[in-house]
Each structure stands twice: as C-alpha cells, then as structure tokens.
Amino acid sequence: MQENELHIEFYFDHLGDNPAPYWSYADVKPGGYLFLHNPLLHVFGDGIVGFRVNHPTEIKFVNKKTLSALMKDHPN
C-alpha cells in the first residue's frame, strides 16, 4: 500500500455479503471518498492495520464531484 492509502475489510457474511440497500460494491472506487461512522483501527490476521466494517450502515460513499461542491459551499 502507498502512504496515502488505507486498508478496509468488509465483514458482511451475516448479510450474505450483500450491503444492499445501503450501497453496492460498485460505489467502492479507487480515489473516491468514504466516511466511516465511529472508526476503529483493527489489526488483521496478516498483520495489516486498517479498518474493519461489520455493517453497511457504518460507511457512506461520496464522489469527488459532490465533495467538491460541498467544500465550495462551506469554505474554512
């Protein structure tokens, strides 16, 4: 992984590995933005540190265009 990347694992086996109706795997795109509710770092079995997501409601996706519009409306 590069310095500006992070590792996320989705654990939805109890949902048949299906995050619908909250989002779809097509929403997961390199370079996109996501928001994690109450994120906690997790050390995976292979030693990689990242975020474990147990339920689809814990994550939201925002594309770059939407984020840019939001940032323009709310300057620092």
N, C-alpha and C. Protein backbone atom coordinates (compact mmCIF):
# COMPACT_ATOMS: atom_id res chain seq x y z
N MET A 1 0.84 -1.19 0.00
CA MET A 1 0.00 0.00 0.00
C MET A 1 0.87 1.24 0.00
N GLN A 2 0.37 2.29 -0.63
CA GLN A 2 1.08 3.56 -0.63
C GLN A 2 0.76 4.33 0.64
N GLU A 3 1.54 5.35 0.89
CA GLU A 3 1.40 6.13 2.12
C GLU A 3 0.01 6.75 2.28
N ASN A 4 -0.63 7.14 1.18
CA ASN A 4 -1.93 7.81 1.27
C ASN A 4 -3.10 6.84 1.09
N GLU A 5 -2.87 5.54 1.24
CA GLU A 5 -3.93 4.54 1.13
C GLU A 5 -4.21 3.94 2.50
N LEU A 6 -5.39 3.39 2.64
CA LEU A 6 -5.71 2.67 3.85
C LEU A 6 -6.41 1.37 3.49
N HIS A 7 -6.42 0.47 4.42
CA HIS A 7 -6.97 -0.87 4.20
C HIS A 7 -8.31 -0.98 4.91
N ILE A 8 -9.33 -1.40 4.18
CA ILE A 8 -10.66 -1.59 4.74
C ILE A 8 -11.14 -2.99 4.38
N GLU A 9 -11.67 -3.69 5.35
CA GLU A 9 -12.26 -5.01 5.11
C GLU A 9 -13.74 -4.94 5.45
N PHE A 10 -14.56 -5.48 4.57
CA PHE A 10 -16.00 -5.54 4.81
C PHE A 10 -16.35 -6.95 5.28
N TYR A 11 -16.97 -7.05 6.44
CA TYR A 11 -17.38 -8.33 7.01
C TYR A 11 -18.91 -8.40 7.02
N PHE A 12 -19.46 -8.81 5.89
CA PHE A 12 -20.92 -8.86 5.75
C PHE A 12 -21.41 -10.29 5.55
N ASP A 13 -20.66 -11.28 6.01
CA ASP A 13 -21.07 -12.67 5.84
C ASP A 13 -22.47 -12.92 6.40
N HIS A 14 -22.80 -12.26 7.51
CA HIS A 14 -24.11 -12.43 8.12
C HIS A 14 -25.23 -11.83 7.26
N LEU A 15 -24.86 -11.06 6.23
CA LEU A 15 -25.84 -10.47 5.31
C LEU A 15 -25.75 -11.10 3.92
N GLY A 16 -25.07 -12.23 3.82
CA GLY A 16 -24.88 -12.85 2.51
C GLY A 16 -23.90 -12.06 1.66
N ASP A 17 -23.00 -11.33 2.31
CA ASP A 17 -22.00 -10.48 1.66
C ASP A 17 -22.65 -9.45 0.74
N ASN A 18 -23.81 -8.94 1.13
CA ASN A 18 -24.56 -8.01 0.31
C ASN A 18 -24.87 -6.75 1.13
N PRO A 19 -24.28 -5.59 0.78
CA PRO A 19 -24.52 -4.37 1.54
C PRO A 19 -25.82 -3.65 1.20
N ALA A 20 -26.58 -4.15 0.21
CA ALA A 20 -27.84 -3.52 -0.18
C ALA A 20 -28.85 -3.59 0.96
N PRO A 21 -29.68 -2.62 1.13
CA PRO A 21 -29.99 -1.48 0.28
C PRO A 21 -29.17 -0.23 0.60
N TYR A 22 -28.17 -0.35 1.43
CA TYR A 22 -27.41 0.82 1.89
C TYR A 22 -26.45 1.36 0.82
N TRP A 23 -25.81 0.47 0.09
CA TRP A 23 -24.91 0.81 -1.01
C TRP A 23 -24.57 -0.47 -1.75
N SER A 24 -23.81 -0.34 -2.84
CA SER A 24 -23.39 -1.53 -3.59
C SER A 24 -21.87 -1.48 -3.76
N TYR A 25 -21.30 -2.62 -4.09
CA TYR A 25 -19.85 -2.65 -4.29
C TYR A 25 -19.42 -1.78 -5.46
N ALA A 26 -20.31 -1.44 -6.36
CA ALA A 26 -20.00 -0.52 -7.47
C ALA A 26 -19.67 0.88 -6.94
N ASP A 27 -20.13 1.21 -5.72
CA ASP A 27 -19.84 2.50 -5.11
C ASP A 27 -18.40 2.60 -4.62
N VAL A 28 -17.73 1.46 -4.46
CA VAL A 28 -16.36 1.43 -3.96
C VAL A 28 -15.42 1.63 -5.14
N LYS A 29 -14.85 2.84 -5.23
CA LYS A 29 -14.00 3.17 -6.37
C LYS A 29 -12.67 3.76 -5.90
N PRO A 30 -11.57 3.36 -6.51
CA PRO A 30 -10.28 3.97 -6.15
C PRO A 30 -10.33 5.48 -6.35
N GLY A 31 -9.81 6.21 -5.39
CA GLY A 31 -9.79 7.65 -5.46
C GLY A 31 -11.05 8.30 -4.95
N GLY A 32 -12.06 7.49 -4.61
CA GLY A 32 -13.29 8.03 -4.05
C GLY A 32 -13.12 8.35 -2.58
N TYR A 33 -14.15 8.91 -2.00
CA TYR A 33 -14.12 9.27 -0.59
C TYR A 33 -15.16 8.46 0.15
N LEU A 34 -14.83 8.10 1.38
CA LEU A 34 -15.79 7.40 2.21
C LEU A 34 -15.73 7.94 3.62
N PHE A 35 -16.83 7.80 4.29
CA PHE A 35 -16.94 8.24 5.67
C PHE A 35 -17.27 7.04 6.53
N LEU A 36 -16.50 6.84 7.58
CA LEU A 36 -16.73 5.73 8.50
C LEU A 36 -17.35 6.27 9.77
N HIS A 37 -18.41 5.64 10.23
CA HIS A 37 -19.03 6.00 11.49
C HIS A 37 -18.29 5.30 12.62
N ASN A 38 -17.79 6.08 13.58
CA ASN A 38 -17.06 5.55 14.73
C ASN A 38 -15.94 4.61 14.30
N PRO A 39 -14.99 5.09 13.50
CA PRO A 39 -13.92 4.21 13.01
C PRO A 39 -12.97 3.78 14.12
N LEU A 40 -12.59 2.53 14.08
CA LEU A 40 -11.60 1.98 15.00
C LEU A 40 -10.58 1.21 14.17
N LEU A 41 -9.31 1.45 14.47
CA LEU A 41 -8.28 0.70 13.78
C LEU A 41 -8.34 -0.76 14.21
N HIS A 42 -7.99 -1.63 13.28
CA HIS A 42 -8.04 -3.07 13.53
C HIS A 42 -6.77 -3.70 12.98
N VAL A 43 -6.17 -4.62 13.72
CA VAL A 43 -5.03 -5.38 13.22
C VAL A 43 -5.57 -6.70 12.69
N PHE A 44 -5.43 -6.91 11.38
CA PHE A 44 -5.94 -8.12 10.75
C PHE A 44 -4.98 -9.28 10.98
N GLY A 45 -5.45 -10.47 10.72
CA GLY A 45 -4.67 -11.68 10.95
C GLY A 45 -3.32 -11.70 10.26
N ASP A 46 -3.21 -11.01 9.13
CA ASP A 46 -1.94 -10.98 8.39
C ASP A 46 -1.03 -9.84 8.85
N GLY A 47 -1.44 -9.11 9.91
CA GLY A 47 -0.62 -8.04 10.47
C GLY A 47 -0.89 -6.67 9.87
N ILE A 48 -1.69 -6.58 8.82
CA ILE A 48 -2.03 -5.28 8.24
C ILE A 48 -2.97 -4.54 9.18
N VAL A 49 -2.72 -3.24 9.34
CA VAL A 49 -3.58 -2.40 10.17
C VAL A 49 -4.52 -1.64 9.25
N GLY A 50 -5.79 -1.63 9.60
CA GLY A 50 -6.78 -0.93 8.78
C GLY A 50 -8.08 -0.80 9.53
N PHE A 51 -9.16 -0.70 8.79
CA PHE A 51 -10.49 -0.57 9.38
C PHE A 51 -11.33 -1.78 9.02
N ARG A 52 -12.02 -2.30 10.01
CA ARG A 52 -12.95 -3.41 9.80
C ARG A 52 -14.35 -2.83 9.86
N VAL A 53 -15.16 -3.13 8.83
CA VAL A 53 -16.54 -2.64 8.77
C VAL A 53 -17.45 -3.85 8.88
N ASN A 54 -18.28 -3.87 9.93
CA ASN A 54 -19.14 -5.02 10.21
C ASN A 54 -20.56 -4.89 9.67
N HIS A 55 -20.98 -3.67 9.35
CA HIS A 55 -22.34 -3.49 8.85
C HIS A 55 -22.34 -2.35 7.83
N PRO A 56 -23.10 -2.50 6.75
CA PRO A 56 -23.10 -1.47 5.70
C PRO A 56 -23.50 -0.08 6.16
N THR A 57 -24.25 0.03 7.25
CA THR A 57 -24.65 1.35 7.73
C THR A 57 -23.49 2.11 8.36
N GLU A 58 -22.35 1.46 8.57
CA GLU A 58 -21.19 2.11 9.18
C GLU A 58 -20.38 2.92 8.18
N ILE A 59 -20.76 2.92 6.91
CA ILE A 59 -19.95 3.56 5.89
C ILE A 59 -20.84 4.29 4.88
N LYS A 60 -20.35 5.44 4.42
CA LYS A 60 -21.03 6.22 3.38
C LYS A 60 -20.00 6.61 2.33
N PHE A 61 -20.41 6.65 1.08
CA PHE A 61 -19.53 7.00 -0.03
C PHE A 61 -19.93 8.34 -0.62
N VAL A 62 -18.94 9.14 -1.01
CA VAL A 62 -19.17 10.42 -1.65
C VAL A 62 -18.21 10.52 -2.83
N ASN A 63 -18.71 10.88 -4.00
CA ASN A 63 -17.82 11.02 -5.14
C ASN A 63 -17.12 12.38 -5.09
N LYS A 64 -16.07 12.53 -5.88
CA LYS A 64 -15.27 13.75 -5.87
C LYS A 64 -16.07 14.99 -6.24
N LYS A 65 -16.96 14.85 -7.22
CA LYS A 65 -17.75 16.00 -7.68
C LYS A 65 -18.65 16.51 -6.55
N THR A 66 -19.31 15.61 -5.85
CA THR A 66 -20.18 16.00 -4.74
C THR A 66 -19.38 16.63 -3.61
N LEU A 67 -18.23 16.04 -3.30
CA LEU A 67 -17.39 16.57 -2.22
C LEU A 67 -16.89 17.97 -2.56
N SER A 68 -16.48 18.17 -3.82
CA SER A 68 -16.01 19.50 -4.25
C SER A 68 -17.11 20.53 -4.10
N ALA A 69 -18.34 20.18 -4.47
CA ALA A 69 -19.46 21.10 -4.33
C ALA A 69 -19.74 21.42 -2.87
N LEU A 70 -19.66 20.43 -2.01
CA LEU A 70 -19.86 20.66 -0.58
C LEU A 70 -18.79 21.56 0.00
N MET A 71 -17.55 21.34 -0.40
CA MET A 71 -16.44 22.14 0.11
C MET A 71 -16.55 23.60 -0.37
N LYS A 72 -17.03 23.80 -1.59
CA LYS A 72 -17.18 25.15 -2.13
C LYS A 72 -18.25 25.91 -1.34
N ASP A 73 -19.30 25.21 -0.93
CA ASP A 73 -20.39 25.84 -0.18
C ASP A 73 -20.01 26.12 1.27
N HIS A 74 -18.97 25.44 1.76
CA HIS A 74 -18.58 25.57 3.17
C HIS A 74 -17.08 25.82 3.27
N PRO A 75 -16.60 27.01 2.91
CA PRO A 75 -15.16 27.29 2.99
C PRO A 75 -14.69 27.33 4.45
N ASN A 76 -13.40 27.12 4.63
CA ASN A 76 -12.84 27.14 6.01
C ASN A 76 -13.04 28.46 6.59
